[in-house]
């Protein structure tokens, strides 16, 4: 039974290893932001560097970046100015979309640089190689530790999704209630307008002695 369950747990663990590695072009005077949805208390690490089109030669100052990582509430978790590479690591204190924004100073003539960016969160953010070296554990123990961490991550994800579902249900109930009262109010307004029209027409015909 355990041997059958392990592949399932491994697959779910890989699904929760949120990781994105991208390369993008950035023009001078422009800003590019990349978003990542991170849960509270989740670990995240990232590293970036400007690709050098001429290997062996230093990058010019026009290829230096300003990088800032902020949460959806505007809190700053990383800020570097005039750098060609860097990295960040932190444990998220709040859930939501985190933005990694890259800005290249304006130059004349315009410059375009390529940036390699690797961003990992959750289980994928942990350096398992260093864990194995520091703990002096064999391959089986390391794999079991990875599985345990994956199960814990799945457990946390299930609670997170359940909370989101409850929030959506509460929003649906509130929306339905408001729509009911709005429909009731609209019906009352329509009946009132119809009554006023009927009264006006009756008064008009009485004055004209048509009825």
N, C-alpha and C. Protein backbone atom coordinates (compact mmCIF):
# COMPACT_ATOMS: atom_id res chain seq x y z
N UNK A 1 0.83 -1.20 0.00
CA UNK A 1 0.00 0.00 0.00
C UNK A 1 0.87 1.26 0.00
N UNK A 2 1.95 1.23 0.84
CA UNK A 2 2.82 2.41 0.90
C UNK A 2 3.53 2.62 -0.42
N UNK A 3 3.99 1.51 -1.05
CA UNK A 3 4.71 1.65 -2.31
C UNK A 3 3.82 2.20 -3.40
N UNK A 4 2.49 1.92 -3.34
CA UNK A 4 1.58 2.46 -4.35
C UNK A 4 1.30 3.94 -4.10
N UNK A 5 1.31 4.34 -2.85
CA UNK A 5 0.99 5.73 -2.52
C UNK A 5 2.15 6.67 -2.78
N UNK A 6 3.39 6.15 -2.71
CA UNK A 6 4.55 7.02 -2.88
C UNK A 6 4.58 7.75 -4.22
N UNK A 7 4.34 7.06 -5.37
CA UNK A 7 4.36 7.81 -6.63
C UNK A 7 3.34 8.93 -6.65
N UNK A 8 2.14 8.70 -6.05
CA UNK A 8 1.12 9.73 -6.02
C UNK A 8 1.59 10.94 -5.24
N UNK A 9 2.23 10.67 -4.09
CA UNK A 9 2.74 11.77 -3.27
C UNK A 9 3.84 12.51 -3.98
N UNK A 10 4.70 11.76 -4.68
CA UNK A 10 5.80 12.39 -5.41
C UNK A 10 5.25 13.32 -6.50
N UNK A 11 4.24 12.86 -7.24
CA UNK A 11 3.65 13.69 -8.30
C UNK A 11 3.06 14.95 -7.72
N UNK A 12 2.29 14.82 -6.59
CA UNK A 12 1.72 16.01 -5.97
C UNK A 12 2.81 16.93 -5.46
N UNK A 13 3.89 16.34 -4.96
CA UNK A 13 4.99 17.17 -4.48
C UNK A 13 5.59 18.00 -5.59
N UNK A 14 5.78 17.37 -6.77
CA UNK A 14 6.33 18.13 -7.89
C UNK A 14 5.37 19.21 -8.35
N UNK A 15 4.05 18.96 -8.25
CA UNK A 15 3.08 19.97 -8.64
C UNK A 15 3.16 21.19 -7.75
N UNK A 16 3.59 20.99 -6.49
CA UNK A 16 3.67 22.10 -5.57
C UNK A 16 5.02 22.78 -5.58
N UNK A 17 5.95 22.30 -6.40
CA UNK A 17 7.27 22.93 -6.52
C UNK A 17 7.17 24.08 -7.50
N UNK A 18 6.66 25.21 -7.07
CA UNK A 18 6.46 26.34 -7.96
C UNK A 18 7.81 26.94 -8.32
N UNK A 19 8.11 26.94 -9.60
CA UNK A 19 9.39 27.45 -10.05
C UNK A 19 9.23 28.01 -11.45
N UNK A 20 9.83 29.16 -11.69
CA UNK A 20 9.82 29.71 -13.04
C UNK A 20 11.18 30.31 -13.33
N UNK A 21 11.71 29.92 -14.47
CA UNK A 21 12.98 30.44 -14.94
C UNK A 21 12.75 31.07 -16.29
N UNK A 22 13.00 32.35 -16.41
CA UNK A 22 12.69 33.07 -17.64
C UNK A 22 13.87 33.91 -18.06
N UNK A 23 13.90 34.21 -19.34
CA UNK A 23 14.84 35.18 -19.90
C UNK A 23 14.01 36.20 -20.67
N UNK A 24 14.25 37.47 -20.43
CA UNK A 24 13.48 38.51 -21.09
C UNK A 24 14.39 39.67 -21.46
N UNK A 25 13.94 40.44 -22.44
CA UNK A 25 14.66 41.63 -22.89
C UNK A 25 14.07 42.86 -22.20
N UNK A 26 14.93 43.77 -21.80
CA UNK A 26 14.52 44.99 -21.11
C UNK A 26 15.15 46.19 -21.80
N UNK A 27 14.30 47.13 -22.22
CA UNK A 27 14.77 48.34 -22.89
C UNK A 27 15.08 49.43 -21.87
N UNK A 28 16.03 50.28 -22.19
CA UNK A 28 16.41 51.36 -21.28
C UNK A 28 15.23 52.30 -21.07
N UNK A 29 15.10 52.75 -19.82
CA UNK A 29 14.00 53.63 -19.47
C UNK A 29 12.69 52.91 -19.24
N UNK A 30 12.69 51.59 -19.30
CA UNK A 30 11.46 50.82 -19.14
C UNK A 30 11.55 49.93 -17.92
N UNK A 31 10.38 49.50 -17.44
CA UNK A 31 10.29 48.61 -16.28
C UNK A 31 9.51 47.36 -16.66
N UNK A 32 9.98 46.21 -16.20
CA UNK A 32 9.27 44.96 -16.42
C UNK A 32 9.08 44.28 -15.07
N UNK A 33 7.84 43.84 -14.80
CA UNK A 33 7.53 43.19 -13.53
C UNK A 33 7.02 41.77 -13.77
N UNK A 34 7.41 40.87 -12.90
CA UNK A 34 6.98 39.47 -12.93
C UNK A 34 6.30 39.17 -11.60
N UNK A 35 5.09 38.56 -11.66
CA UNK A 35 4.29 38.30 -10.45
C UNK A 35 4.32 36.83 -10.10
N UNK A 36 4.25 36.56 -8.81
CA UNK A 36 4.19 35.19 -8.30
C UNK A 36 3.24 35.17 -7.10
N UNK A 37 2.26 34.27 -7.14
CA UNK A 37 1.32 34.12 -6.04
C UNK A 37 1.96 33.26 -4.96
N UNK A 38 2.18 33.83 -3.78
CA UNK A 38 2.87 33.15 -2.69
C UNK A 38 2.00 33.16 -1.45
N UNK A 39 1.92 32.02 -0.79
CA UNK A 39 1.15 31.92 0.45
C UNK A 39 1.99 32.41 1.62
N UNK A 40 1.32 32.82 2.68
CA UNK A 40 2.01 33.25 3.89
C UNK A 40 2.82 32.10 4.48
N UNK A 41 3.98 32.45 5.02
CA UNK A 41 4.91 31.50 5.66
C UNK A 41 5.59 30.57 4.66
N UNK A 42 5.47 30.85 3.36
CA UNK A 42 6.17 30.06 2.34
C UNK A 42 7.53 30.69 2.06
N UNK A 43 8.51 29.82 1.87
CA UNK A 43 9.86 30.29 1.55
C UNK A 43 9.98 30.55 0.06
N UNK A 44 10.70 31.59 -0.31
CA UNK A 44 10.91 31.89 -1.72
C UNK A 44 12.34 32.38 -1.93
N UNK A 45 12.94 31.96 -3.03
CA UNK A 45 14.30 32.40 -3.38
C UNK A 45 14.31 32.79 -4.85
N UNK A 46 15.17 33.72 -5.19
CA UNK A 46 15.29 34.15 -6.58
C UNK A 46 16.69 34.64 -6.86
N UNK A 47 17.10 34.50 -8.10
CA UNK A 47 18.39 35.04 -8.52
C UNK A 47 18.27 35.53 -9.95
N UNK A 48 19.06 36.54 -10.28
CA UNK A 48 18.96 37.17 -11.59
C UNK A 48 20.35 37.65 -12.01
N UNK A 49 20.53 37.75 -13.31
CA UNK A 49 21.77 38.34 -13.81
C UNK A 49 21.56 38.79 -15.26
N UNK A 50 22.30 39.81 -15.61
CA UNK A 50 22.28 40.33 -16.99
C UNK A 50 23.23 39.49 -17.82
N UNK A 51 22.74 38.98 -18.94
CA UNK A 51 23.59 38.18 -19.82
C UNK A 51 24.58 39.08 -20.55
N UNK A 52 25.80 38.63 -20.59
CA UNK A 52 26.87 39.41 -21.21
C UNK A 52 27.02 38.98 -22.67
N UNK A 53 26.71 39.87 -23.62
CA UNK A 53 26.84 39.49 -25.04
C UNK A 53 28.29 39.30 -25.47
N UNK A 54 29.21 39.85 -24.70
CA UNK A 54 30.64 39.73 -25.03
C UNK A 54 31.35 39.09 -23.84
N UNK A 55 31.44 37.78 -23.86
CA UNK A 55 32.05 37.05 -22.75
C UNK A 55 33.50 37.48 -22.54
N UNK A 56 33.87 37.62 -21.27
CA UNK A 56 35.25 37.99 -20.94
C UNK A 56 35.46 39.47 -20.80
N UNK A 57 34.46 40.29 -21.15
CA UNK A 57 34.58 41.74 -21.00
C UNK A 57 33.55 42.21 -19.98
N UNK A 58 33.90 43.22 -19.19
CA UNK A 58 32.95 43.70 -18.18
C UNK A 58 31.74 44.39 -18.83
N UNK A 59 30.60 44.29 -18.14
CA UNK A 59 29.40 44.94 -18.64
C UNK A 59 29.50 46.45 -18.46
N UNK A 60 29.03 47.24 -19.43
CA UNK A 60 29.04 48.70 -19.26
C UNK A 60 28.00 49.12 -18.23
N UNK A 61 28.15 50.35 -17.72
CA UNK A 61 27.21 50.86 -16.72
C UNK A 61 25.79 50.94 -17.26
N UNK A 62 25.66 51.08 -18.56
CA UNK A 62 24.32 51.19 -19.15
C UNK A 62 23.54 49.88 -19.05
N UNK A 63 24.22 48.78 -18.66
CA UNK A 63 23.57 47.48 -18.53
C UNK A 63 23.28 47.12 -17.07
N UNK A 64 23.45 48.07 -16.15
CA UNK A 64 23.20 47.81 -14.74
C UNK A 64 21.72 48.06 -14.42
N UNK A 65 21.15 47.20 -13.58
CA UNK A 65 19.72 47.21 -13.29
C UNK A 65 19.42 47.76 -11.90
N UNK A 66 18.16 48.15 -11.73
CA UNK A 66 17.59 48.38 -10.42
C UNK A 66 16.47 47.36 -10.23
N UNK A 67 16.52 46.61 -9.14
CA UNK A 67 15.59 45.51 -8.90
C UNK A 67 14.90 45.71 -7.56
N UNK A 68 13.59 45.51 -7.54
CA UNK A 68 12.81 45.61 -6.31
C UNK A 68 11.78 44.49 -6.27
N UNK A 69 11.65 43.85 -5.11
CA UNK A 69 10.63 42.82 -4.89
C UNK A 69 9.70 43.32 -3.80
N UNK A 70 8.41 43.39 -4.11
CA UNK A 70 7.42 43.90 -3.16
C UNK A 70 6.22 42.95 -3.08
N UNK A 71 5.49 43.06 -1.97
CA UNK A 71 4.28 42.26 -1.78
C UNK A 71 3.09 43.02 -2.33
N UNK A 72 1.92 42.36 -2.32
CA UNK A 72 0.70 43.01 -2.81
C UNK A 72 0.28 44.17 -1.92
N UNK A 73 0.81 44.21 -0.67
CA UNK A 73 0.50 45.30 0.24
C UNK A 73 1.55 46.42 0.18
N UNK A 74 2.50 46.31 -0.73
CA UNK A 74 3.50 47.36 -0.92
C UNK A 74 4.73 47.23 -0.06
N UNK A 75 4.85 46.16 0.72
CA UNK A 75 6.05 45.97 1.55
C UNK A 75 7.22 45.50 0.69
N UNK A 76 8.39 46.08 0.93
CA UNK A 76 9.58 45.76 0.14
C UNK A 76 10.37 44.64 0.80
N UNK A 77 10.75 43.63 0.00
CA UNK A 77 11.51 42.49 0.50
C UNK A 77 12.92 42.43 -0.11
N UNK A 78 13.16 43.18 -1.16
CA UNK A 78 14.48 43.20 -1.78
C UNK A 78 14.59 44.45 -2.63
N UNK A 79 15.76 45.09 -2.55
CA UNK A 79 15.98 46.29 -3.35
C UNK A 79 17.48 46.41 -3.63
N UNK A 80 17.83 46.44 -4.92
CA UNK A 80 19.22 46.63 -5.33
C UNK A 80 19.26 47.62 -6.48
N UNK A 81 20.25 48.49 -6.45
CA UNK A 81 20.39 49.51 -7.49
C UNK A 81 21.73 49.35 -8.19
N UNK A 82 21.69 49.56 -9.50
CA UNK A 82 22.90 49.59 -10.32
C UNK A 82 23.71 48.30 -10.16
N UNK A 83 23.06 47.17 -10.40
CA UNK A 83 23.71 45.87 -10.27
C UNK A 83 23.52 45.09 -11.57
N UNK A 84 24.43 44.15 -11.80
CA UNK A 84 24.30 43.28 -12.97
C UNK A 84 23.82 41.88 -12.59
N UNK A 85 23.83 41.58 -11.28
CA UNK A 85 23.32 40.30 -10.80
C UNK A 85 22.98 40.43 -9.32
N UNK A 86 22.22 39.46 -8.83
CA UNK A 86 21.84 39.49 -7.42
C UNK A 86 20.93 38.32 -7.10
N UNK A 87 20.57 38.23 -5.84
CA UNK A 87 19.67 37.18 -5.40
C UNK A 87 18.93 37.64 -4.15
N UNK A 88 17.81 36.98 -3.87
CA UNK A 88 17.03 37.31 -2.68
C UNK A 88 16.43 36.02 -2.14
N UNK A 89 16.13 36.05 -0.85
CA UNK A 89 15.49 34.91 -0.19
C UNK A 89 14.75 35.44 1.03
N UNK A 90 13.51 35.03 1.20
CA UNK A 90 12.74 35.46 2.36
C UNK A 90 11.56 34.51 2.55
N UNK A 91 10.99 34.57 3.73
CA UNK A 91 9.76 33.83 4.04
C UNK A 91 8.60 34.82 4.01
N UNK A 92 7.63 34.56 3.17
CA UNK A 92 6.52 35.49 2.99
C UNK A 92 5.72 35.63 4.28
N UNK A 93 5.46 36.86 4.69
CA UNK A 93 4.67 37.12 5.89
C UNK A 93 3.21 37.37 5.58
N UNK A 94 2.88 37.43 4.29
CA UNK A 94 1.49 37.68 3.88
C UNK A 94 1.23 36.97 2.56
N UNK A 95 -0.01 36.55 2.36
CA UNK A 95 -0.38 35.88 1.12
C UNK A 95 -0.75 36.90 0.05
N UNK A 96 -0.54 36.52 -1.21
CA UNK A 96 -0.90 37.41 -2.31
C UNK A 96 0.12 37.37 -3.42
N UNK A 97 -0.04 38.27 -4.38
CA UNK A 97 0.88 38.38 -5.51
C UNK A 97 2.09 39.22 -5.13
N UNK A 98 3.27 38.64 -5.33
CA UNK A 98 4.53 39.35 -5.11
C UNK A 98 5.10 39.75 -6.46
N UNK A 99 5.61 40.97 -6.55
CA UNK A 99 6.14 41.50 -7.81
C UNK A 99 7.65 41.67 -7.73
N UNK A 100 8.32 41.15 -8.75
CA UNK A 100 9.76 41.41 -8.94
C UNK A 100 9.89 42.33 -10.14
N UNK A 101 10.27 43.57 -9.90
CA UNK A 101 10.32 44.58 -10.96
C UNK A 101 11.77 44.94 -11.29
N UNK A 102 12.07 44.98 -12.59
CA UNK A 102 13.41 45.29 -13.10
C UNK A 102 13.33 46.59 -13.90
N UNK A 103 14.24 47.51 -13.60
CA UNK A 103 14.25 48.79 -14.29
C UNK A 103 15.65 49.09 -14.80
N UNK A 104 15.71 49.55 -16.06
CA UNK A 104 16.98 49.92 -16.69
C UNK A 104 16.97 51.42 -16.92
N UNK A 105 18.00 52.15 -16.44
CA UNK A 105 18.02 53.61 -16.62
C UNK A 105 17.93 54.00 -18.09
N UNK A 106 17.38 55.17 -18.30
CA UNK A 106 17.22 55.70 -19.66
C UNK A 106 18.57 56.10 -20.24
N UNK A 107 18.81 55.70 -21.49
CA UNK A 107 20.07 56.04 -22.18
C UNK A 107 19.76 56.49 -23.60
N UNK A 108 20.67 57.28 -24.14
CA UNK A 108 20.57 57.74 -25.52
C UNK A 108 21.91 57.51 -26.20
N UNK A 109 22.00 56.61 -27.17
CA UNK A 109 20.89 55.84 -27.76
C UNK A 109 20.36 54.75 -26.82
N UNK A 110 19.17 54.25 -27.16
CA UNK A 110 18.51 53.27 -26.31
C UNK A 110 19.30 51.97 -26.25
N UNK A 111 19.29 51.33 -25.06
CA UNK A 111 19.98 50.06 -24.84
C UNK A 111 18.94 48.97 -24.57
N UNK A 112 19.27 47.74 -24.96
CA UNK A 112 18.42 46.59 -24.66
C UNK A 112 19.30 45.50 -24.05
N UNK A 113 18.90 45.01 -22.89
CA UNK A 113 19.67 43.96 -22.23
C UNK A 113 18.79 42.74 -22.03
N UNK A 114 19.42 41.57 -21.95
CA UNK A 114 18.73 40.32 -21.67
C UNK A 114 19.00 39.93 -20.22
N UNK A 115 17.93 39.54 -19.53
CA UNK A 115 18.02 39.21 -18.11
C UNK A 115 17.55 37.77 -17.90
N UNK A 116 18.35 36.99 -17.20
CA UNK A 116 17.95 35.65 -16.77
C UNK A 116 17.45 35.74 -15.33
N UNK A 117 16.25 35.21 -15.10
CA UNK A 117 15.63 35.31 -13.78
C UNK A 117 15.07 33.95 -13.38
N UNK A 118 15.46 33.48 -12.22
CA UNK A 118 15.00 32.19 -11.69
C UNK A 118 14.33 32.44 -10.35
N UNK A 119 13.04 32.03 -10.23
CA UNK A 119 12.26 32.30 -9.02
C UNK A 119 11.61 31.00 -8.56
N UNK A 120 11.86 30.61 -7.32
CA UNK A 120 11.30 29.38 -6.77
C UNK A 120 10.60 29.68 -5.45
N UNK A 121 9.49 28.96 -5.20
CA UNK A 121 8.76 29.12 -3.95
C UNK A 121 8.36 27.75 -3.42
N UNK A 122 8.09 27.70 -2.11
CA UNK A 122 7.64 26.46 -1.50
C UNK A 122 8.75 25.44 -1.39
N UNK A 123 8.39 24.18 -1.70
CA UNK A 123 9.35 23.09 -1.59
C UNK A 123 10.53 23.29 -2.54
N UNK A 124 10.25 23.82 -3.72
CA UNK A 124 11.31 24.01 -4.72
C UNK A 124 12.36 25.02 -4.26
N UNK A 125 12.02 25.87 -3.29
CA UNK A 125 12.95 26.91 -2.85
C UNK A 125 14.01 26.38 -1.90
N UNK A 126 13.85 25.16 -1.41
CA UNK A 126 14.81 24.63 -0.45
C UNK A 126 16.00 24.01 -1.17
N UNK A 127 17.18 24.27 -0.64
CA UNK A 127 18.43 23.76 -1.21
C UNK A 127 18.70 22.38 -0.63
N UNK A 128 18.17 21.35 -1.33
CA UNK A 128 18.30 19.99 -0.81
C UNK A 128 19.74 19.48 -0.87
N UNK A 129 20.54 20.01 -1.78
CA UNK A 129 21.93 19.60 -1.84
C UNK A 129 22.68 19.96 -0.57
N UNK A 130 22.46 21.21 -0.09
CA UNK A 130 23.12 21.63 1.14
C UNK A 130 22.58 20.87 2.35
N UNK A 131 21.28 20.54 2.31
CA UNK A 131 20.71 19.77 3.42
C UNK A 131 21.41 18.42 3.53
N UNK A 132 21.64 17.78 2.37
CA UNK A 132 22.29 16.47 2.38
C UNK A 132 23.72 16.56 2.88
N UNK A 133 24.44 17.63 2.51
CA UNK A 133 25.82 17.78 2.93
C UNK A 133 25.92 18.06 4.42
N UNK A 134 25.06 18.97 4.90
CA UNK A 134 25.15 19.37 6.29
C UNK A 134 24.70 18.25 7.21
N UNK A 135 23.68 17.54 6.84
CA UNK A 135 23.14 16.51 7.72
C UNK A 135 23.82 15.17 7.58
N UNK A 136 24.67 15.01 6.57
CA UNK A 136 25.34 13.73 6.35
C UNK A 136 24.33 12.58 6.31
N UNK A 137 23.27 12.75 5.51
CA UNK A 137 22.24 11.73 5.40
C UNK A 137 22.35 11.08 4.05
N UNK A 138 21.92 9.81 3.97
CA UNK A 138 22.04 9.10 2.71
C UNK A 138 20.89 9.46 1.79
N UNK A 139 20.89 8.89 0.58
CA UNK A 139 19.91 9.26 -0.45
C UNK A 139 18.50 8.92 -0.03
N UNK A 140 18.29 7.78 0.63
CA UNK A 140 16.96 7.39 1.04
C UNK A 140 16.38 8.35 2.07
N UNK A 141 17.20 8.75 3.05
CA UNK A 141 16.73 9.69 4.06
C UNK A 141 16.40 11.04 3.43
N UNK A 142 17.21 11.45 2.48
CA UNK A 142 16.94 12.71 1.80
C UNK A 142 15.63 12.64 1.03
N UNK A 143 15.39 11.52 0.34
CA UNK A 143 14.15 11.38 -0.41
C UNK A 143 12.93 11.38 0.52
N UNK A 144 13.06 10.70 1.67
CA UNK A 144 11.96 10.68 2.64
C UNK A 144 11.70 12.08 3.18
N UNK A 145 12.75 12.85 3.40
CA UNK A 145 12.58 14.21 3.90
C UNK A 145 11.89 15.07 2.85
N UNK A 146 12.24 14.86 1.58
CA UNK A 146 11.57 15.59 0.51
C UNK A 146 10.09 15.23 0.45
N UNK A 147 9.79 13.94 0.60
CA UNK A 147 8.40 13.50 0.57
C UNK A 147 7.62 14.10 1.75
N UNK A 148 8.23 14.10 2.92
CA UNK A 148 7.57 14.67 4.09
C UNK A 148 7.28 16.14 3.89
N UNK A 149 8.25 16.85 3.34
CA UNK A 149 8.05 18.28 3.09
C UNK A 149 6.97 18.49 2.04
N UNK A 150 6.91 17.61 1.03
CA UNK A 150 5.88 17.71 0.00
C UNK A 150 4.50 17.48 0.60
N UNK A 151 4.38 16.47 1.49
CA UNK A 151 3.09 16.20 2.14
C UNK A 151 2.65 17.38 2.98
N UNK A 152 3.58 17.98 3.73
CA UNK A 152 3.24 19.15 4.53
C UNK A 152 2.80 20.31 3.65
N UNK A 153 3.47 20.47 2.51
CA UNK A 153 3.10 21.53 1.59
C UNK A 153 1.71 21.28 1.00
N UNK A 154 1.41 20.00 0.68
CA UNK A 154 0.08 19.66 0.18
C UNK A 154 -0.97 19.95 1.24
N UNK A 155 -0.66 19.61 2.48
CA UNK A 155 -1.59 19.85 3.59
C UNK A 155 -1.90 21.34 3.73
N UNK A 156 -0.85 22.15 3.67
CA UNK A 156 -1.05 23.60 3.77
C UNK A 156 -1.83 24.13 2.58
N UNK A 157 -1.55 23.58 1.40
CA UNK A 157 -2.26 24.03 0.20
C UNK A 157 -3.74 23.70 0.29
N UNK A 158 -4.09 22.53 0.85
CA UNK A 158 -5.49 22.15 0.99
C UNK A 158 -6.24 23.11 1.92
N UNK A 159 -5.60 23.48 3.04
CA UNK A 159 -6.23 24.44 3.95
C UNK A 159 -6.36 25.81 3.29
N UNK A 160 -5.33 26.19 2.52
CA UNK A 160 -5.38 27.48 1.82
C UNK A 160 -6.52 27.51 0.81
N UNK A 161 -6.67 26.41 0.04
CA UNK A 161 -7.75 26.35 -0.95
C UNK A 161 -9.12 26.31 -0.27
N UNK A 162 -9.20 25.63 0.88
CA UNK A 162 -10.47 25.58 1.59
C UNK A 162 -10.87 26.97 2.09
N UNK A 163 -9.89 27.72 2.59
CA UNK A 163 -10.19 29.09 3.04
C UNK A 163 -10.63 29.96 1.88
N UNK A 164 -9.98 29.81 0.72
CA UNK A 164 -10.37 30.58 -0.45
C UNK A 164 -11.78 30.22 -0.90
N UNK A 165 -12.11 28.91 -0.81
CA UNK A 165 -13.45 28.48 -1.20
C UNK A 165 -14.51 29.07 -0.28
N UNK A 166 -14.22 29.10 1.03
CA UNK A 166 -15.17 29.70 1.97
C UNK A 166 -15.35 31.19 1.70
N UNK A 167 -14.26 31.87 1.34
CA UNK A 167 -14.36 33.29 1.01
C UNK A 167 -15.24 33.49 -0.23
N UNK A 168 -15.07 32.64 -1.24
CA UNK A 168 -15.86 32.76 -2.46
C UNK A 168 -17.34 32.45 -2.18
N UNK A 169 -17.61 31.45 -1.34
CA UNK A 169 -18.99 31.13 -1.00
C UNK A 169 -19.65 32.29 -0.26
N UNK A 170 -18.90 32.90 0.66
CA UNK A 170 -19.45 34.04 1.40
C UNK A 170 -19.72 35.21 0.45
N UNK A 171 -18.82 35.41 -0.52
CA UNK A 171 -19.02 36.47 -1.51
C UNK A 171 -20.24 36.18 -2.38
N UNK A 172 -20.44 34.91 -2.77
CA UNK A 172 -21.60 34.54 -3.57
C UNK A 172 -22.89 34.76 -2.79
N UNK A 173 -22.91 34.39 -1.50
CA UNK A 173 -24.11 34.59 -0.69
C UNK A 173 -24.44 36.08 -0.56
N UNK A 174 -23.40 36.89 -0.32
CA UNK A 174 -23.63 38.33 -0.19
C UNK A 174 -24.13 38.93 -1.50
N UNK A 175 -23.55 38.45 -2.63
CA UNK A 175 -23.99 38.96 -3.94
C UNK A 175 -25.43 38.57 -4.24
N UNK A 176 -25.79 37.32 -3.93
CA UNK A 176 -27.17 36.88 -4.16
C UNK A 176 -28.16 37.67 -3.32
N UNK A 177 -27.79 37.96 -2.07
CA UNK A 177 -28.67 38.73 -1.21
C UNK A 177 -28.86 40.15 -1.75
N UNK A 178 -27.78 40.74 -2.20
CA UNK A 178 -27.90 42.10 -2.75
C UNK A 178 -28.72 42.12 -4.04
N UNK A 179 -28.54 41.10 -4.88
CA UNK A 179 -29.32 41.03 -6.12
C UNK A 179 -30.80 40.84 -5.81
N UNK A 180 -31.13 40.07 -4.77
CA UNK A 180 -32.54 39.88 -4.40
C UNK A 180 -33.18 41.20 -4.00
N UNK A 181 -32.49 41.94 -3.13
CA UNK A 181 -33.05 43.22 -2.69
C UNK A 181 -33.08 44.24 -3.82
N UNK A 182 -32.10 44.19 -4.71
CA UNK A 182 -32.11 45.09 -5.86
C UNK A 182 -33.28 44.77 -6.78
N UNK A 183 -33.54 43.48 -7.01
CA UNK A 183 -34.68 43.08 -7.84
C UNK A 183 -35.99 43.49 -7.19
N UNK A 184 -36.09 43.31 -5.88
CA UNK A 184 -37.29 43.70 -5.16
C UNK A 184 -37.51 45.21 -5.25
N UNK A 185 -36.42 45.98 -5.12
CA UNK A 185 -36.52 47.43 -5.22
C UNK A 185 -36.92 47.86 -6.63
N UNK A 186 -36.34 47.19 -7.65
CA UNK A 186 -36.69 47.51 -9.04
C UNK A 186 -38.16 47.23 -9.31
N UNK A 187 -38.66 46.09 -8.78
CA UNK A 187 -40.07 45.77 -8.95
C UNK A 187 -40.96 46.81 -8.29
N UNK A 188 -40.57 47.26 -7.08
CA UNK A 188 -41.35 48.29 -6.39
C UNK A 188 -41.38 49.60 -7.17
N UNK A 189 -40.22 49.98 -7.75
CA UNK A 189 -40.16 51.21 -8.54
C UNK A 189 -41.05 51.09 -9.78
N UNK A 190 -40.99 49.92 -10.45
CA UNK A 190 -41.83 49.73 -11.65
C UNK A 190 -43.32 49.81 -11.32
N UNK A 191 -43.73 49.16 -10.22
CA UNK A 191 -45.14 49.20 -9.82
C UNK A 191 -45.56 50.61 -9.44
N UNK A 192 -44.67 51.35 -8.77
CA UNK A 192 -44.99 52.73 -8.39
C UNK A 192 -45.17 53.61 -9.63
N UNK A 193 -44.25 53.45 -10.61
CA UNK A 193 -44.36 54.23 -11.84
C UNK A 193 -45.63 53.89 -12.59
N UNK A 194 -45.97 52.58 -12.65
CA UNK A 194 -47.20 52.17 -13.33
C UNK A 194 -48.43 52.75 -12.64
N UNK A 195 -48.44 52.75 -11.27
CA UNK A 195 -49.57 53.33 -10.53
C UNK A 195 -49.71 54.81 -10.79
N UNK A 196 -48.56 55.53 -10.81
CA UNK A 196 -48.60 56.97 -11.09
C UNK A 196 -49.12 57.26 -12.49
N UNK A 197 -48.69 56.44 -13.46
CA UNK A 197 -49.18 56.63 -14.82
C UNK A 197 -50.69 56.40 -14.92
N UNK A 198 -51.16 55.34 -14.24
CA UNK A 198 -52.59 55.05 -14.24
C UNK A 198 -53.38 56.19 -13.62
N UNK A 199 -52.87 56.69 -12.46
CA UNK A 199 -53.56 57.81 -11.80
C UNK A 199 -53.56 59.06 -12.67
N UNK A 200 -52.45 59.33 -13.33
CA UNK A 200 -52.37 60.51 -14.19
C UNK A 200 -53.34 60.40 -15.36
N UNK A 201 -53.39 59.23 -16.01
CA UNK A 201 -54.31 59.05 -17.14
C UNK A 201 -55.77 59.15 -16.69
N UNK A 202 -56.09 58.56 -15.54
CA UNK A 202 -57.47 58.64 -15.04
C UNK A 202 -57.87 60.07 -14.75
N UNK A 203 -56.96 60.85 -14.11
CA UNK A 203 -57.23 62.26 -13.83
C UNK A 203 -57.40 63.06 -15.11
N UNK A 204 -56.57 62.75 -16.10
CA UNK A 204 -56.64 63.46 -17.39
C UNK A 204 -57.98 63.21 -18.08
N UNK A 205 -58.40 61.95 -18.12
CA UNK A 205 -59.67 61.62 -18.78
C UNK A 205 -60.87 62.18 -18.02
N UNK A 206 -60.78 62.23 -16.69
CA UNK A 206 -61.88 62.82 -15.91
C UNK A 206 -62.01 64.29 -16.18
N UNK A 207 -60.86 64.99 -16.32
CA UNK A 207 -60.92 66.42 -16.62
C UNK A 207 -61.51 66.66 -18.00
N UNK A 208 -61.21 65.76 -18.93
CA UNK A 208 -61.73 65.91 -20.29
C UNK A 208 -63.14 65.36 -20.40
N UNK A 209 -63.67 64.83 -19.27
CA UNK A 209 -65.00 64.26 -19.21
C UNK A 209 -65.16 63.14 -20.23
N UNK A 210 -64.09 62.34 -20.36
CA UNK A 210 -64.16 61.20 -21.27
C UNK A 210 -64.61 59.96 -20.52
N UNK A 211 -64.51 59.99 -19.21
CA UNK A 211 -64.99 58.85 -18.42
C UNK A 211 -65.82 59.40 -17.26
